[in-house]
Amino acid sequence: MNPFQIHEGKAAVLNRDNVDTDQIIPKQFLKRIEKTGYGKYAFFDWRYEQHGNLNHEFELNQPLYEGATILLAGENFGCGSSREHAPWALSDYGFRVIIAPSFADIFHQNCLKNGMLPVKLPREKVIELMRKAEGKEYSLTVNLVDQTIWDESGLTASFEIDPHWKDMLLNGRDEIAYTLLYEKNISQYESEKQAWV
C-alpha cells in the first residue's frame, strides 16, 4: 500500500444516508478475483441509465466532481453486506478519503485494511463541508500525522483514529506487511520448536 500522510484533493458530495455496499459495488460485479478494475462499476445503478448512458442526475457525475479524491457522505456509509469489494471500488474510482458522520463497522475496517482513510466527523461539520463543496470545486487537506482537516478559507476540524491503524497507514502497511515485521521471530520459533509439535 502507498503510505498515507498528508493528502490534498478535490471533494465530492454524496449527501445520502445509509448508502449500502450493494449500491457502492452491485453484486453482479463480485465475480472478479482481482482487487483492481472495480472503479468503473462503483455506484453503477446510480451512475448509469438503463442503456448504459451516464445518468446526469447522479451527484458524482457532475463535471465539477471529476477527479475528486475525497468523498463527503452521509450517516451509516457502507452499511449492508461486508464485501471488501466496496473499498476496492471506491479506491479504484479515485477516492483516498471518505468523510462521514458514521460508518458501518466492517466497511470502516475494510477501508483501513486497504489504505483508504475513513474520517468520522460530527454531522454538523460534515454538512458544513458539503455546503462548501456543493456546486463548485472545493479542496481539502487531510493530515493524518496530526489528525486534522482544513480548507483554504480557514475551516479546520480534528478527527480520531486508532493508533494501530494510524501507524499502518502512515507506513503503508497492510496486515501481511505487519506480520512480516516479525519474520525473524517467527523463523526462530519455527526452527526451535520440537519436531513433534
N, C-alpha and C. Protein backbone atom coordinates (compact mmCIF):
# COMPACT_ATOMS: atom_id res chain seq x y z
N MET A 1 0.85 -1.19 0.00
CA MET A 1 0.00 0.00 0.00
C MET A 1 0.88 1.24 0.00
N ASN A 2 0.35 2.30 -0.57
CA ASN A 2 1.06 3.58 -0.53
C ASN A 2 0.88 4.21 0.85
N PRO A 3 1.94 4.76 1.43
CA PRO A 3 1.79 5.45 2.71
C PRO A 3 0.83 6.62 2.60
N PHE A 4 0.09 6.85 3.65
CA PHE A 4 -0.82 7.99 3.72
C PHE A 4 -0.35 8.91 4.84
N GLN A 5 0.03 10.13 4.49
CA GLN A 5 0.45 11.09 5.50
C GLN A 5 -0.36 12.37 5.38
N ILE A 6 -0.17 13.10 4.28
CA ILE A 6 -0.97 14.30 4.03
C ILE A 6 -1.55 14.18 2.63
N HIS A 7 -2.84 14.40 2.53
CA HIS A 7 -3.50 14.31 1.22
C HIS A 7 -4.29 15.59 0.97
N GLU A 8 -4.04 16.21 -0.17
CA GLU A 8 -4.83 17.36 -0.60
C GLU A 8 -5.59 16.97 -1.86
N GLY A 9 -6.88 17.22 -1.88
CA GLY A 9 -7.65 16.82 -3.04
C GLY A 9 -9.01 17.49 -3.11
N LYS A 10 -9.62 17.31 -4.27
CA LYS A 10 -10.96 17.86 -4.52
C LYS A 10 -11.99 17.00 -3.80
N ALA A 11 -13.00 17.65 -3.24
CA ALA A 11 -14.06 16.94 -2.52
C ALA A 11 -15.30 16.83 -3.39
N ALA A 12 -15.97 15.68 -3.30
CA ALA A 12 -17.25 15.44 -3.97
C ALA A 12 -18.29 15.12 -2.91
N VAL A 13 -19.54 15.49 -3.18
CA VAL A 13 -20.61 15.34 -2.21
C VAL A 13 -21.57 14.23 -2.63
N LEU A 14 -21.79 13.29 -1.73
CA LEU A 14 -22.84 12.28 -1.89
C LEU A 14 -23.70 12.36 -0.63
N ASN A 15 -24.63 13.30 -0.65
CA ASN A 15 -25.42 13.62 0.55
C ASN A 15 -26.60 12.65 0.67
N ARG A 16 -26.27 11.41 0.98
CA ARG A 16 -27.27 10.36 1.17
C ARG A 16 -26.89 9.56 2.41
N ASP A 17 -27.87 9.25 3.23
CA ASP A 17 -27.64 8.39 4.39
C ASP A 17 -27.83 6.93 3.98
N ASN A 18 -27.21 6.04 4.74
CA ASN A 18 -27.40 4.59 4.59
C ASN A 18 -27.05 4.09 3.19
N VAL A 19 -25.98 4.61 2.62
CA VAL A 19 -25.50 4.08 1.33
C VAL A 19 -24.88 2.72 1.61
N ASP A 20 -25.49 1.67 1.07
CA ASP A 20 -25.00 0.32 1.39
C ASP A 20 -24.00 -0.17 0.35
N THR A 21 -23.35 -1.27 0.70
CA THR A 21 -22.27 -1.78 -0.14
C THR A 21 -22.80 -2.30 -1.48
N ASP A 22 -24.08 -2.67 -1.55
CA ASP A 22 -24.64 -3.12 -2.83
C ASP A 22 -24.82 -1.94 -3.78
N GLN A 23 -24.98 -0.75 -3.27
CA GLN A 23 -25.01 0.44 -4.12
C GLN A 23 -23.59 0.86 -4.49
N ILE A 24 -22.66 0.70 -3.56
CA ILE A 24 -21.27 1.05 -3.86
C ILE A 24 -20.71 0.15 -4.96
N ILE A 25 -20.93 -1.16 -4.83
CA ILE A 25 -20.49 -2.10 -5.87
C ILE A 25 -21.53 -3.23 -5.96
N PRO A 26 -22.43 -3.17 -6.95
CA PRO A 26 -23.51 -4.16 -7.06
C PRO A 26 -22.99 -5.59 -7.18
N LYS A 27 -23.83 -6.50 -6.71
CA LYS A 27 -23.43 -7.92 -6.57
C LYS A 27 -22.97 -8.57 -7.87
N GLN A 28 -23.49 -8.13 -9.02
CA GLN A 28 -23.13 -8.80 -10.28
C GLN A 28 -21.66 -8.60 -10.66
N PHE A 29 -20.98 -7.66 -9.98
CA PHE A 29 -19.58 -7.39 -10.30
C PHE A 29 -18.62 -8.04 -9.30
N LEU A 30 -19.12 -8.91 -8.44
CA LEU A 30 -18.27 -9.50 -7.41
C LEU A 30 -17.57 -10.77 -7.86
N LYS A 31 -17.73 -11.15 -9.11
CA LYS A 31 -17.14 -12.40 -9.60
C LYS A 31 -15.66 -12.26 -9.94
N ARG A 32 -15.20 -11.03 -10.09
CA ARG A 32 -13.79 -10.82 -10.41
C ARG A 32 -12.92 -11.23 -9.23
N ILE A 33 -11.69 -11.67 -9.51
CA ILE A 33 -10.81 -12.11 -8.42
C ILE A 33 -9.70 -11.10 -8.12
N GLU A 34 -9.57 -10.06 -8.97
CA GLU A 34 -8.55 -9.04 -8.72
C GLU A 34 -9.09 -8.01 -7.74
N LYS A 35 -8.17 -7.20 -7.17
CA LYS A 35 -8.58 -6.09 -6.31
C LYS A 35 -8.76 -4.81 -7.11
N THR A 36 -8.35 -4.81 -8.37
CA THR A 36 -8.41 -3.60 -9.19
C THR A 36 -9.46 -3.75 -10.29
N GLY A 37 -9.78 -2.62 -10.90
CA GLY A 37 -10.71 -2.63 -12.02
C GLY A 37 -12.17 -2.46 -11.63
N TYR A 38 -12.43 -2.21 -10.36
CA TYR A 38 -13.81 -2.07 -9.90
C TYR A 38 -14.34 -0.64 -9.99
N GLY A 39 -13.46 0.32 -10.22
CA GLY A 39 -13.88 1.72 -10.21
C GLY A 39 -14.97 2.03 -11.21
N LYS A 40 -14.92 1.42 -12.38
CA LYS A 40 -15.93 1.71 -13.41
C LYS A 40 -17.30 1.17 -13.04
N TYR A 41 -17.35 0.29 -12.03
CA TYR A 41 -18.63 -0.27 -11.59
C TYR A 41 -19.14 0.38 -10.30
N ALA A 42 -18.36 1.26 -9.70
CA ALA A 42 -18.78 1.90 -8.45
C ALA A 42 -20.06 2.71 -8.67
N PHE A 43 -21.01 2.54 -7.78
CA PHE A 43 -22.31 3.22 -7.85
C PHE A 43 -23.00 2.98 -9.20
N PHE A 44 -22.80 1.80 -9.76
CA PHE A 44 -23.24 1.50 -11.13
C PHE A 44 -24.72 1.82 -11.37
N ASP A 45 -25.58 1.39 -10.45
CA ASP A 45 -27.01 1.57 -10.66
C ASP A 45 -27.44 3.03 -10.57
N TRP A 46 -26.64 3.85 -9.93
CA TRP A 46 -26.92 5.28 -9.86
C TRP A 46 -26.22 6.05 -10.98
N ARG A 47 -25.04 5.60 -11.35
CA ARG A 47 -24.23 6.34 -12.35
C ARG A 47 -24.77 6.22 -13.76
N TYR A 48 -25.40 5.08 -14.05
CA TYR A 48 -25.78 4.82 -15.44
C TYR A 48 -27.29 4.62 -15.57
N GLU A 49 -27.80 5.03 -16.72
CA GLU A 49 -29.19 4.78 -17.06
C GLU A 49 -29.31 3.36 -17.61
N GLN A 50 -30.53 2.96 -17.94
CA GLN A 50 -30.80 1.57 -18.32
C GLN A 50 -29.96 1.10 -19.51
N HIS A 51 -29.70 1.97 -20.48
CA HIS A 51 -28.98 1.55 -21.69
C HIS A 51 -27.49 1.92 -21.64
N GLY A 52 -26.99 2.20 -20.45
CA GLY A 52 -25.56 2.43 -20.29
C GLY A 52 -25.10 3.86 -20.41
N ASN A 53 -26.01 4.79 -20.67
CA ASN A 53 -25.64 6.20 -20.73
C ASN A 53 -25.47 6.75 -19.31
N LEU A 54 -24.59 7.75 -19.18
CA LEU A 54 -24.41 8.38 -17.87
C LEU A 54 -25.72 9.02 -17.40
N ASN A 55 -26.02 8.82 -16.12
CA ASN A 55 -27.17 9.47 -15.51
C ASN A 55 -26.72 10.83 -14.98
N HIS A 56 -27.07 11.89 -15.67
CA HIS A 56 -26.59 13.23 -15.30
C HIS A 56 -27.24 13.77 -14.03
N GLU A 57 -28.24 13.03 -13.52
CA GLU A 57 -28.88 13.43 -12.27
C GLU A 57 -28.08 12.94 -11.05
N PHE A 58 -27.20 11.97 -11.28
CA PHE A 58 -26.42 11.43 -10.16
C PHE A 58 -25.33 12.40 -9.77
N GLU A 59 -25.22 12.64 -8.47
CA GLU A 59 -24.33 13.67 -7.94
C GLU A 59 -22.89 13.56 -8.46
N LEU A 60 -22.33 12.36 -8.39
CA LEU A 60 -20.91 12.22 -8.72
C LEU A 60 -20.63 12.32 -10.22
N ASN A 61 -21.68 12.36 -11.04
CA ASN A 61 -21.48 12.55 -12.48
C ASN A 61 -21.35 14.01 -12.88
N GLN A 62 -21.47 14.92 -11.92
CA GLN A 62 -21.30 16.34 -12.23
C GLN A 62 -19.85 16.59 -12.66
N PRO A 63 -19.64 17.31 -13.75
CA PRO A 63 -18.27 17.57 -14.22
C PRO A 63 -17.36 18.18 -13.17
N LEU A 64 -17.91 19.00 -12.28
CA LEU A 64 -17.06 19.67 -11.29
C LEU A 64 -16.48 18.69 -10.28
N TYR A 65 -17.05 17.48 -10.18
CA TYR A 65 -16.52 16.48 -9.25
C TYR A 65 -15.54 15.52 -9.92
N GLU A 66 -15.29 15.72 -11.20
CA GLU A 66 -14.36 14.83 -11.90
C GLU A 66 -12.96 14.93 -11.27
N GLY A 67 -12.38 13.80 -10.98
CA GLY A 67 -11.06 13.77 -10.36
C GLY A 67 -11.06 13.95 -8.86
N ALA A 68 -12.25 13.93 -8.24
CA ALA A 68 -12.32 14.09 -6.78
C ALA A 68 -11.67 12.89 -6.09
N THR A 69 -10.95 13.17 -5.01
CA THR A 69 -10.28 12.11 -4.24
C THR A 69 -10.78 12.03 -2.80
N ILE A 70 -11.68 12.95 -2.44
CA ILE A 70 -12.26 12.97 -1.10
C ILE A 70 -13.78 12.92 -1.25
N LEU A 71 -14.42 11.97 -0.60
CA LEU A 71 -15.86 11.82 -0.68
C LEU A 71 -16.50 12.26 0.62
N LEU A 72 -17.45 13.20 0.52
CA LEU A 72 -18.24 13.64 1.67
C LEU A 72 -19.57 12.91 1.62
N ALA A 73 -19.85 12.10 2.63
CA ALA A 73 -21.01 11.21 2.60
C ALA A 73 -21.87 11.38 3.85
N GLY A 74 -23.04 10.72 3.81
CA GLY A 74 -23.99 10.81 4.91
C GLY A 74 -23.77 9.74 5.97
N GLU A 75 -24.75 9.67 6.88
CA GLU A 75 -24.68 8.73 8.01
C GLU A 75 -24.64 7.28 7.53
N ASN A 76 -23.98 6.43 8.33
CA ASN A 76 -24.00 4.98 8.17
C ASN A 76 -23.51 4.56 6.78
N PHE A 77 -22.48 5.22 6.31
CA PHE A 77 -21.95 4.91 4.98
C PHE A 77 -21.32 3.53 4.99
N GLY A 78 -21.60 2.73 3.95
CA GLY A 78 -21.02 1.40 3.83
C GLY A 78 -21.76 0.32 4.59
N CYS A 79 -23.03 0.56 4.90
CA CYS A 79 -23.82 -0.46 5.59
C CYS A 79 -24.14 -1.61 4.64
N GLY A 80 -24.80 -2.64 5.13
CA GLY A 80 -25.14 -3.77 4.28
C GLY A 80 -24.13 -4.89 4.43
N SER A 81 -23.91 -5.63 3.36
CA SER A 81 -23.02 -6.78 3.42
C SER A 81 -21.57 -6.35 3.62
N SER A 82 -20.75 -7.30 4.03
CA SER A 82 -19.38 -6.97 4.44
C SER A 82 -18.38 -7.02 3.29
N ARG A 83 -18.83 -6.96 2.06
CA ARG A 83 -17.94 -7.16 0.91
C ARG A 83 -16.77 -6.18 0.89
N GLU A 84 -15.57 -6.73 0.81
CA GLU A 84 -14.35 -5.93 0.74
C GLU A 84 -14.24 -5.23 -0.61
N HIS A 85 -15.04 -5.68 -1.57
CA HIS A 85 -15.04 -5.06 -2.90
C HIS A 85 -15.45 -3.59 -2.85
N ALA A 86 -16.22 -3.20 -1.81
CA ALA A 86 -16.70 -1.81 -1.73
C ALA A 86 -15.53 -0.82 -1.62
N PRO A 87 -14.60 -0.99 -0.66
CA PRO A 87 -13.46 -0.08 -0.66
C PRO A 87 -12.56 -0.25 -1.88
N TRP A 88 -12.47 -1.46 -2.43
CA TRP A 88 -11.69 -1.63 -3.66
C TRP A 88 -12.28 -0.76 -4.77
N ALA A 89 -13.61 -0.75 -4.89
CA ALA A 89 -14.27 0.03 -5.94
C ALA A 89 -14.07 1.53 -5.72
N LEU A 90 -14.21 1.97 -4.49
CA LEU A 90 -14.05 3.40 -4.20
C LEU A 90 -12.61 3.85 -4.43
N SER A 91 -11.66 3.02 -4.03
CA SER A 91 -10.26 3.34 -4.24
C SER A 91 -9.93 3.39 -5.72
N ASP A 92 -10.41 2.41 -6.47
CA ASP A 92 -10.16 2.37 -7.91
C ASP A 92 -10.85 3.52 -8.63
N TYR A 93 -11.96 3.98 -8.09
CA TYR A 93 -12.67 5.15 -8.62
C TYR A 93 -11.80 6.41 -8.46
N GLY A 94 -10.97 6.42 -7.41
CA GLY A 94 -10.06 7.54 -7.19
C GLY A 94 -10.10 8.14 -5.81
N PHE A 95 -10.98 7.63 -4.94
CA PHE A 95 -11.09 8.21 -3.60
C PHE A 95 -9.98 7.70 -2.69
N ARG A 96 -9.43 8.60 -1.90
CA ARG A 96 -8.40 8.27 -0.91
C ARG A 96 -8.93 8.46 0.50
N VAL A 97 -9.95 9.35 0.63
CA VAL A 97 -10.50 9.71 1.93
C VAL A 97 -12.03 9.72 1.81
N ILE A 98 -12.70 9.20 2.83
CA ILE A 98 -14.15 9.31 2.92
C ILE A 98 -14.46 9.97 4.26
N ILE A 99 -15.22 11.05 4.21
CA ILE A 99 -15.60 11.78 5.43
C ILE A 99 -17.10 11.64 5.61
N ALA A 100 -17.50 11.15 6.78
CA ALA A 100 -18.93 10.95 7.05
C ALA A 100 -19.16 11.03 8.56
N PRO A 101 -20.41 11.24 8.98
CA PRO A 101 -20.70 11.24 10.42
C PRO A 101 -20.56 9.87 11.05
N SER A 102 -20.82 8.81 10.27
CA SER A 102 -20.68 7.45 10.80
C SER A 102 -20.52 6.47 9.65
N PHE A 103 -19.93 5.33 9.98
CA PHE A 103 -19.68 4.26 9.01
C PHE A 103 -20.17 2.94 9.59
N ALA A 104 -20.54 2.02 8.72
CA ALA A 104 -20.74 0.65 9.16
C ALA A 104 -19.39 0.10 9.61
N ASP A 105 -19.38 -0.65 10.71
CA ASP A 105 -18.12 -1.07 11.33
C ASP A 105 -17.22 -1.87 10.39
N ILE A 106 -17.79 -2.86 9.71
CA ILE A 106 -16.95 -3.72 8.86
C ILE A 106 -16.41 -2.93 7.67
N PHE A 107 -17.25 -2.07 7.09
CA PHE A 107 -16.79 -1.24 5.98
C PHE A 107 -15.65 -0.33 6.43
N HIS A 108 -15.80 0.28 7.61
CA HIS A 108 -14.77 1.14 8.17
C HIS A 108 -13.44 0.40 8.29
N GLN A 109 -13.51 -0.83 8.80
CA GLN A 109 -12.30 -1.64 8.97
C GLN A 109 -11.70 -2.02 7.62
N ASN A 110 -12.57 -2.37 6.66
CA ASN A 110 -12.09 -2.75 5.33
C ASN A 110 -11.39 -1.58 4.63
N CYS A 111 -11.87 -0.37 4.85
CA CYS A 111 -11.20 0.81 4.27
C CYS A 111 -9.77 0.91 4.81
N LEU A 112 -9.63 0.82 6.12
CA LEU A 112 -8.31 0.92 6.74
C LEU A 112 -7.37 -0.17 6.24
N LYS A 113 -7.89 -1.38 6.09
CA LYS A 113 -7.07 -2.50 5.64
C LYS A 113 -6.61 -2.34 4.19
N ASN A 114 -7.29 -1.48 3.45
CA ASN A 114 -6.97 -1.30 2.03
C ASN A 114 -6.40 0.08 1.72
N GLY A 115 -5.90 0.77 2.76
CA GLY A 115 -5.17 2.01 2.55
C GLY A 115 -6.02 3.25 2.32
N MET A 116 -7.32 3.16 2.59
CA MET A 116 -8.20 4.32 2.45
C MET A 116 -8.53 4.85 3.84
N LEU A 117 -8.59 6.16 3.99
CA LEU A 117 -8.82 6.76 5.30
C LEU A 117 -10.29 7.13 5.47
N PRO A 118 -11.02 6.43 6.37
CA PRO A 118 -12.38 6.85 6.71
C PRO A 118 -12.34 7.80 7.90
N VAL A 119 -12.89 8.99 7.75
CA VAL A 119 -12.83 10.01 8.79
C VAL A 119 -14.23 10.27 9.32
N LYS A 120 -14.41 10.08 10.63
CA LYS A 120 -15.69 10.40 11.26
C LYS A 120 -15.63 11.82 11.82
N LEU A 121 -16.60 12.64 11.41
CA LEU A 121 -16.74 13.99 11.95
C LEU A 121 -18.18 14.18 12.41
N PRO A 122 -18.42 15.11 13.32
CA PRO A 122 -19.80 15.39 13.71
C PRO A 122 -20.65 15.77 12.49
N ARG A 123 -21.92 15.38 12.52
CA ARG A 123 -22.81 15.61 11.38
C ARG A 123 -22.82 17.08 10.96
N GLU A 124 -22.82 17.97 11.95
CA GLU A 124 -22.87 19.41 11.63
C GLU A 124 -21.65 19.83 10.82
N LYS A 125 -20.50 19.26 11.15
CA LYS A 125 -19.27 19.61 10.43
C LYS A 125 -19.30 19.03 9.01
N VAL A 126 -19.82 17.81 8.86
CA VAL A 126 -19.92 17.22 7.53
C VAL A 126 -20.87 18.03 6.66
N ILE A 127 -21.99 18.47 7.23
CA ILE A 127 -22.95 19.30 6.49
C ILE A 127 -22.29 20.61 6.07
N GLU A 128 -21.50 21.19 6.95
CA GLU A 128 -20.78 22.43 6.61
C GLU A 128 -19.84 22.20 5.43
N LEU A 129 -19.11 21.09 5.46
CA LEU A 129 -18.21 20.77 4.35
C LEU A 129 -19.00 20.55 3.06
N MET A 130 -20.12 19.87 3.16
CA MET A 130 -20.95 19.62 1.97
C MET A 130 -21.45 20.93 1.36
N ARG A 131 -21.86 21.84 2.21
CA ARG A 131 -22.35 23.14 1.70
C ARG A 131 -21.24 23.88 0.95
N LYS A 132 -20.02 23.77 1.45
CA LYS A 132 -18.91 24.43 0.78
C LYS A 132 -18.57 23.78 -0.56
N ALA A 133 -18.85 22.46 -0.67
CA ALA A 133 -18.46 21.72 -1.87
C ALA A 133 -19.56 21.61 -2.91
N GLU A 134 -20.79 21.93 -2.55
CA GLU A 134 -21.90 21.77 -3.49
C GLU A 134 -21.87 22.89 -4.53
N GLY A 135 -21.86 22.49 -5.80
CA GLY A 135 -21.97 23.45 -6.89
C GLY A 135 -20.68 24.16 -7.26
N LYS A 136 -19.58 23.78 -6.64
CA LYS A 136 -18.31 24.42 -7.02
C LYS A 136 -17.15 23.49 -6.66
N GLU A 137 -16.00 23.77 -7.25
CA GLU A 137 -14.82 22.98 -6.91
C GLU A 137 -14.33 23.40 -5.53
N TYR A 138 -14.04 22.41 -4.72
CA TYR A 138 -13.68 22.66 -3.34
C TYR A 138 -12.63 21.65 -2.91
N SER A 139 -11.51 22.13 -2.39
CA SER A 139 -10.41 21.25 -1.98
C SER A 139 -10.25 21.23 -0.47
N LEU A 140 -9.80 20.11 0.02
CA LEU A 140 -9.49 19.93 1.43
C LEU A 140 -8.10 19.33 1.57
N THR A 141 -7.49 19.60 2.69
CA THR A 141 -6.23 18.94 3.05
C THR A 141 -6.49 18.08 4.28
N VAL A 142 -6.11 16.81 4.18
CA VAL A 142 -6.29 15.87 5.28
C VAL A 142 -4.90 15.45 5.74
N ASN A 143 -4.58 15.76 6.99
CA ASN A 143 -3.27 15.47 7.56
C ASN A 143 -3.44 14.37 8.59
N LEU A 144 -2.99 13.17 8.23
CA LEU A 144 -3.11 12.05 9.16
C LEU A 144 -2.10 12.17 10.31
N VAL A 145 -0.98 12.81 10.06
CA VAL A 145 0.06 12.92 11.09
C VAL A 145 -0.50 13.61 12.32
N ASP A 146 -1.15 14.77 12.13
CA ASP A 146 -1.71 15.47 13.29
C ASP A 146 -3.23 15.38 13.37
N GLN A 147 -3.82 14.53 12.51
CA GLN A 147 -5.25 14.22 12.55
C GLN A 147 -6.13 15.47 12.42
N THR A 148 -5.83 16.24 11.38
CA THR A 148 -6.61 17.45 11.13
C THR A 148 -7.03 17.53 9.67
N ILE A 149 -8.07 18.33 9.45
CA ILE A 149 -8.58 18.63 8.11
C ILE A 149 -8.73 20.14 8.04
N TRP A 150 -8.38 20.71 6.88
CA TRP A 150 -8.59 22.15 6.73
C TRP A 150 -8.82 22.51 5.26
N ASP A 151 -9.38 23.72 5.06
CA ASP A 151 -9.51 24.26 3.71
C ASP A 151 -8.85 25.63 3.65
N GLU A 152 -8.85 26.22 2.47
CA GLU A 152 -8.15 27.49 2.28
C GLU A 152 -8.84 28.68 2.94
N SER A 153 -10.11 28.51 3.32
CA SER A 153 -10.84 29.62 3.93
C SER A 153 -10.73 29.63 5.45
N GLY A 154 -9.96 28.70 6.01
CA GLY A 154 -9.74 28.70 7.45
C GLY A 154 -10.55 27.68 8.23
N LEU A 155 -11.38 26.90 7.56
CA LEU A 155 -12.12 25.85 8.25
C LEU A 155 -11.15 24.77 8.71
N THR A 156 -11.30 24.34 9.95
CA THR A 156 -10.47 23.26 10.47
C THR A 156 -11.32 22.26 11.24
N ALA A 157 -10.87 21.04 11.29
CA ALA A 157 -11.52 20.00 12.09
C ALA A 157 -10.47 18.98 12.48
N SER A 158 -10.69 18.32 13.60
CA SER A 158 -9.78 17.25 14.02
C SER A 158 -10.58 15.96 14.10
N PHE A 159 -9.88 14.84 13.95
CA PHE A 159 -10.55 13.56 13.97
C PHE A 159 -9.73 12.55 14.75
N GLU A 160 -10.40 11.49 15.18
CA GLU A 160 -9.76 10.42 15.94
C GLU A 160 -9.48 9.23 15.03
N ILE A 161 -8.46 8.49 15.33
CA ILE A 161 -8.16 7.24 14.63
C ILE A 161 -7.40 6.33 15.58
N ASP A 162 -7.67 5.05 15.51
CA ASP A 162 -6.97 4.07 16.33
C ASP A 162 -5.47 4.16 16.05
N PRO A 163 -4.63 4.23 17.10
CA PRO A 163 -3.18 4.38 16.89
C PRO A 163 -2.57 3.29 16.01
N HIS A 164 -3.06 2.05 16.15
CA HIS A 164 -2.52 0.95 15.34
C HIS A 164 -2.76 1.23 13.86
N TRP A 165 -3.98 1.62 13.51
CA TRP A 165 -4.29 1.85 12.09
C TRP A 165 -3.65 3.12 11.58
N LYS A 166 -3.47 4.09 12.45
CA LYS A 166 -2.73 5.29 12.04
C LYS A 166 -1.31 4.91 11.64
N ASP A 167 -0.66 4.10 12.44
CA ASP A 167 0.70 3.66 12.14
C ASP A 167 0.73 2.85 10.84
N MET A 168 -0.25 1.98 10.66
CA MET A 168 -0.30 1.16 9.44
C MET A 168 -0.42 2.03 8.20
N LEU A 169 -1.30 3.03 8.24
CA LEU A 169 -1.50 3.91 7.08
C LEU A 169 -0.27 4.79 6.84
N LEU A 170 0.28 5.34 7.91
CA LEU A 170 1.45 6.22 7.75
C LEU A 170 2.61 5.48 7.10
N ASN A 171 2.72 4.20 7.39
CA ASN A 171 3.84 3.42 6.86
C ASN A 171 3.48 2.58 5.64
N GLY A 172 2.23 2.70 5.20
CA GLY A 172 1.81 1.96 4.00
C GLY A 172 1.84 0.46 4.18
N ARG A 173 1.45 -0.02 5.37
CA ARG A 173 1.49 -1.45 5.65
C ARG A 173 0.08 -2.05 5.65
N ASP A 174 -0.06 -3.21 5.03
CA ASP A 174 -1.26 -4.00 5.23
C ASP A 174 -0.94 -5.04 6.30
N GLU A 175 -1.88 -5.95 6.57
CA GLU A 175 -1.68 -6.89 7.66
C GLU A 175 -0.57 -7.90 7.37
N ILE A 176 -0.37 -8.21 6.09
CA ILE A 176 0.72 -9.13 5.73
C ILE A 176 2.07 -8.46 5.99
N ALA A 177 2.18 -7.21 5.55
CA ALA A 177 3.43 -6.47 5.78
C ALA A 177 3.71 -6.32 7.27
N TYR A 178 2.65 -6.13 8.06
CA TYR A 178 2.81 -6.00 9.51
C TYR A 178 3.33 -7.32 10.10
N THR A 179 2.78 -8.44 9.64
CA THR A 179 3.22 -9.75 10.11
C THR A 179 4.70 -9.98 9.77
N LEU A 180 5.10 -9.54 8.58
CA LEU A 180 6.49 -9.75 8.14
C LEU A 180 7.49 -8.95 8.96
N LEU A 181 7.04 -7.95 9.70
CA LEU A 181 7.94 -7.26 10.62
C LEU A 181 8.50 -8.22 11.66
N TYR A 182 7.75 -9.29 11.93
CA TYR A 182 8.14 -10.28 12.94
C TYR A 182 8.67 -11.56 12.30
N GLU A 183 9.12 -11.44 11.05
CA GLU A 183 9.57 -12.63 10.32
C GLU A 183 10.73 -13.32 11.05
N LYS A 184 11.65 -12.55 11.58
CA LYS A 184 12.80 -13.13 12.29
C LYS A 184 12.32 -13.93 13.51
N ASN A 185 11.40 -13.37 14.27
CA ASN A 185 10.88 -14.06 15.45
C ASN A 185 10.13 -15.32 15.05
N ILE A 186 9.36 -15.23 13.99
CA ILE A 186 8.59 -16.38 13.52
C ILE A 186 9.53 -17.50 13.06
N SER A 187 10.56 -17.11 12.30
CA SER A 187 11.53 -18.11 11.81
C SER A 187 12.26 -18.77 12.98
N GLN A 188 12.61 -17.96 13.99
CA GLN A 188 13.30 -18.52 15.15
C GLN A 188 12.40 -19.52 15.88
N TYR A 189 11.15 -19.15 16.05
CA TYR A 189 10.21 -20.05 16.72
C TYR A 189 10.08 -21.35 15.93
N GLU A 190 9.92 -21.23 14.62
CA GLU A 190 9.75 -22.41 13.77
C GLU A 190 10.99 -23.33 13.84
N SER A 191 12.17 -22.73 13.92
CA SER A 191 13.39 -23.55 13.95
C SER A 191 13.62 -24.21 15.29
N GLU A 192 13.08 -23.61 16.36
CA GLU A 192 13.35 -24.12 17.70
C GLU A 192 12.27 -25.05 18.22
N LYS A 193 11.10 -25.04 17.63
CA LYS A 193 10.03 -25.87 18.18
C LYS A 193 10.33 -27.35 17.94
N GLN A 194 9.84 -28.18 18.81
CA GLN A 194 10.06 -29.62 18.70
C GLN A 194 9.42 -30.17 17.43
N ALA A 195 10.04 -31.11 16.82
CA ALA A 195 9.56 -31.68 15.57
C ALA A 195 8.18 -32.29 15.71
N TRP A 196 7.86 -32.79 16.91
CA TRP A 196 6.57 -33.46 17.10
C TRP A 196 5.41 -32.47 17.25
N VAL A 197 5.73 -31.22 17.48
CA VAL A 197 4.65 -30.23 17.74
C VAL A 197 3.85 -30.01 16.47
